[in-house]
Amino acid sequence: MLSNSCRYGIRAVIYLASLPQNKGKTGIKQISRDLNLPSPFLAKILQLLARQKILDSTKGPHGGFSLLKDARNITLLDIVKTIDGEDILTNCIIHNETCTKVDKDKKPCPVHDDFIGIRTDIIKLFRNRTIYDLVRTANRSEKVFI
């Protein structure tokens, strides 16, 4: 459902939020190594999150990434919208746009009624789960970082 980019972004933000607050910036190579993710790909994702004011980014030999906002104020929805956009939350699962845009008679797709409740629950989950919540959960399981 979520792209690899989005999943990597979520993992990286959880990772950064789990570091001691006085640690400062963490370099892309360190993040990439600890999460076992490709460095160039991860760098692009983290720069996107920095442009949207979720992360702080500093270039140079002592540069790296850190959270720009408090982890309690960053939701999964913030990250999903930034990386994957809102299409995943609004588009039909069969077509590339909303059901009503696809069908001129405004008839929903065959799975529309089945999926609408699921979509509502997913949006609610993404809106209500903060990175802080996920860090607390991740502390009980190292699988998040593997």
Protein backbone atom coordinates (compact mmCIF):
# COMPACT_ATOMS: atom_id res chain seq x y z
CA MET A 1 0.00 0.00 0.00
CA LEU A 2 2.72 2.47 0.92
CA SER A 3 5.68 2.91 -1.39
CA ASN A 4 9.16 1.77 -0.39
CA SER A 5 10.09 5.45 -0.22
CA CYS A 6 7.36 6.11 2.32
CA ARG A 7 8.22 3.08 4.43
CA TYR A 8 11.90 4.05 4.41
CA GLY A 9 10.98 7.61 5.35
CA ILE A 10 8.87 6.45 8.27
CA ARG A 11 11.65 4.15 9.50
CA ALA A 12 14.22 6.93 9.22
CA VAL A 13 12.07 9.44 11.12
CA ILE A 14 11.42 6.87 13.87
CA TYR A 15 15.16 6.20 13.99
CA LEU A 16 16.02 9.90 14.29
CA ALA A 17 13.35 10.40 16.95
CA SER A 18 14.75 7.50 18.96
CA LEU A 19 18.21 9.08 19.24
CA PRO A 20 19.14 11.14 22.31
CA GLN A 21 18.02 14.75 21.86
CA ASN A 22 21.52 16.10 22.54
CA LYS A 23 23.02 13.92 19.79
CA GLY A 24 22.71 16.64 17.16
CA LYS A 25 22.73 15.75 13.48
CA THR A 26 23.12 12.20 12.21
CA GLY A 27 24.81 11.68 8.86
CA ILE A 28 23.13 9.89 5.97
CA LYS A 29 25.78 7.16 5.95
CA GLN A 30 25.11 6.35 9.60
CA ILE A 31 21.33 6.29 9.11
CA SER A 32 21.68 4.20 5.98
CA ARG A 33 24.03 1.73 7.65
CA ASP A 34 21.92 1.37 10.81
CA LEU A 35 18.68 0.88 8.85
CA ASN A 36 20.31 -1.16 6.07
CA LEU A 37 18.88 1.13 3.39
CA PRO A 38 20.54 2.44 0.20
CA SER A 39 22.21 5.77 0.97
CA PRO A 40 21.46 7.76 -2.23
CA PHE A 41 17.79 6.72 -2.22
CA LEU A 42 17.42 7.48 1.49
CA ALA A 43 19.12 10.87 1.07
CA LYS A 44 16.49 11.94 -1.48
CA ILE A 45 13.67 10.87 0.84
CA LEU A 46 15.16 12.72 3.81
CA GLN A 47 15.71 15.87 1.74
CA LEU A 48 12.04 15.77 0.78
CA LEU A 49 11.10 15.55 4.47
CA ALA A 50 13.46 18.45 5.20
CA ARG A 51 11.84 20.60 2.48
CA GLN A 52 8.48 19.97 4.16
CA LYS A 53 9.87 21.10 7.54
CA ILE A 54 9.65 17.69 9.19
CA LEU A 55 13.42 17.22 9.36
CA ASP A 56 16.31 19.63 9.70
CA SER A 57 19.18 19.12 7.29
CA THR A 58 22.69 20.51 7.39
CA LYS A 59 25.25 19.97 4.64
CA GLY A 60 28.95 19.47 5.12
CA PRO A 61 31.33 17.21 7.03
CA HIS A 62 29.50 17.73 10.33
CA GLY A 63 26.08 17.85 8.74
CA GLY A 64 23.24 15.41 8.75
CA PHE A 65 19.62 15.14 9.74
CA SER A 66 17.58 15.62 12.88
CA LEU A 67 13.94 16.21 13.69
CA LEU A 68 12.82 19.78 13.13
CA LYS A 69 9.57 19.26 15.01
CA ASP A 70 8.82 17.49 18.25
CA ALA A 71 8.05 13.80 17.60
CA ARG A 72 4.69 14.31 19.34
CA ASN A 73 3.76 16.74 16.54
CA ILE A 74 4.71 14.56 13.57
CA THR A 75 2.02 12.15 12.45
CA LEU A 76 2.24 9.26 10.05
CA LEU A 77 -0.14 11.27 7.87
CA ASP A 78 2.45 14.09 7.64
CA ILE A 79 5.04 11.65 6.29
CA VAL A 80 2.68 9.74 4.00
CA LYS A 81 1.35 12.96 2.43
CA THR A 82 4.87 14.32 1.98
CA ILE A 83 6.31 11.22 0.33
CA ASP A 84 3.41 9.40 -1.35
CA GLY A 85 0.99 12.30 -1.69
CA GLU A 86 -2.72 12.22 -1.02
CA ASP A 87 -3.68 9.95 -3.94
CA ILE A 88 -3.31 6.89 -1.75
CA LEU A 89 -5.91 8.39 0.58
CA THR A 90 -8.37 9.51 -2.08
CA ASN A 91 -7.98 7.46 -5.25
CA CYS A 92 -9.90 4.36 -6.23
CA ILE A 93 -7.97 1.14 -5.68
CA ILE A 94 -8.80 0.03 -9.24
CA HIS A 95 -8.34 3.29 -11.16
CA ASN A 96 -5.82 6.14 -10.96
CA GLU A 97 -8.31 8.75 -9.76
CA THR A 98 -11.34 8.96 -7.52
CA CYS A 99 -14.24 6.67 -8.40
CA THR A 100 -16.52 9.58 -9.31
CA LYS A 101 -13.96 11.04 -11.73
CA VAL A 102 -13.54 7.70 -13.49
CA ASP A 103 -17.24 7.05 -14.06
CA LYS A 104 -19.15 9.86 -15.75
CA ASP A 105 -22.41 8.66 -14.19
CA LYS A 106 -20.85 8.98 -10.72
CA LYS A 107 -21.15 5.23 -10.07
CA PRO A 108 -18.44 3.96 -7.74
CA CYS A 109 -16.12 1.12 -8.71
CA PRO A 110 -17.09 -2.47 -7.74
CA VAL A 111 -15.04 -2.40 -4.50
CA HIS A 112 -15.78 1.19 -3.51
CA ASP A 113 -18.31 0.38 -0.80
CA ASP A 114 -16.08 -2.35 0.64
CA PHE A 115 -12.99 -0.14 0.69
CA ILE A 116 -14.47 3.14 1.95
CA GLY A 117 -14.51 1.96 5.58
CA ILE A 118 -10.97 0.62 5.32
CA ARG A 119 -9.76 3.89 3.80
CA THR A 120 -11.45 5.85 6.60
CA ASP A 121 -9.75 3.66 9.21
CA ILE A 122 -6.35 4.04 7.53
CA ILE A 123 -6.66 7.83 7.42
CA LYS A 124 -7.70 7.84 11.08
CA LEU A 125 -4.71 5.64 11.99
CA PHE A 126 -2.26 7.82 10.05
CA ARG A 127 -3.74 11.02 11.52
CA ASN A 128 -3.71 9.77 15.12
CA ARG A 129 -0.37 7.94 15.34
CA THR A 130 2.60 10.18 16.05
CA ILE A 131 6.26 9.42 15.64
CA TYR A 132 6.51 9.64 19.42
CA ASP A 133 3.96 6.79 19.69
CA LEU A 134 5.94 4.73 17.21
CA VAL A 135 9.25 5.33 19.00
CA ARG A 136 7.71 4.04 22.22
CA THR A 137 6.49 0.94 20.38
CA ALA A 138 9.80 0.52 18.52
CA ASN A 139 11.70 0.52 21.80
CA ARG A 140 9.96 -2.78 22.55
CA SER A 141 10.99 -4.28 19.20
CA GLU A 142 14.26 -3.92 17.29
CA LYS A 143 12.51 -5.19 14.13
CA VAL A 144 11.64 -1.60 13.16
CA PHE A 145 15.28 -0.85 12.48
CA ILE A 146 16.24 -4.08 10.73
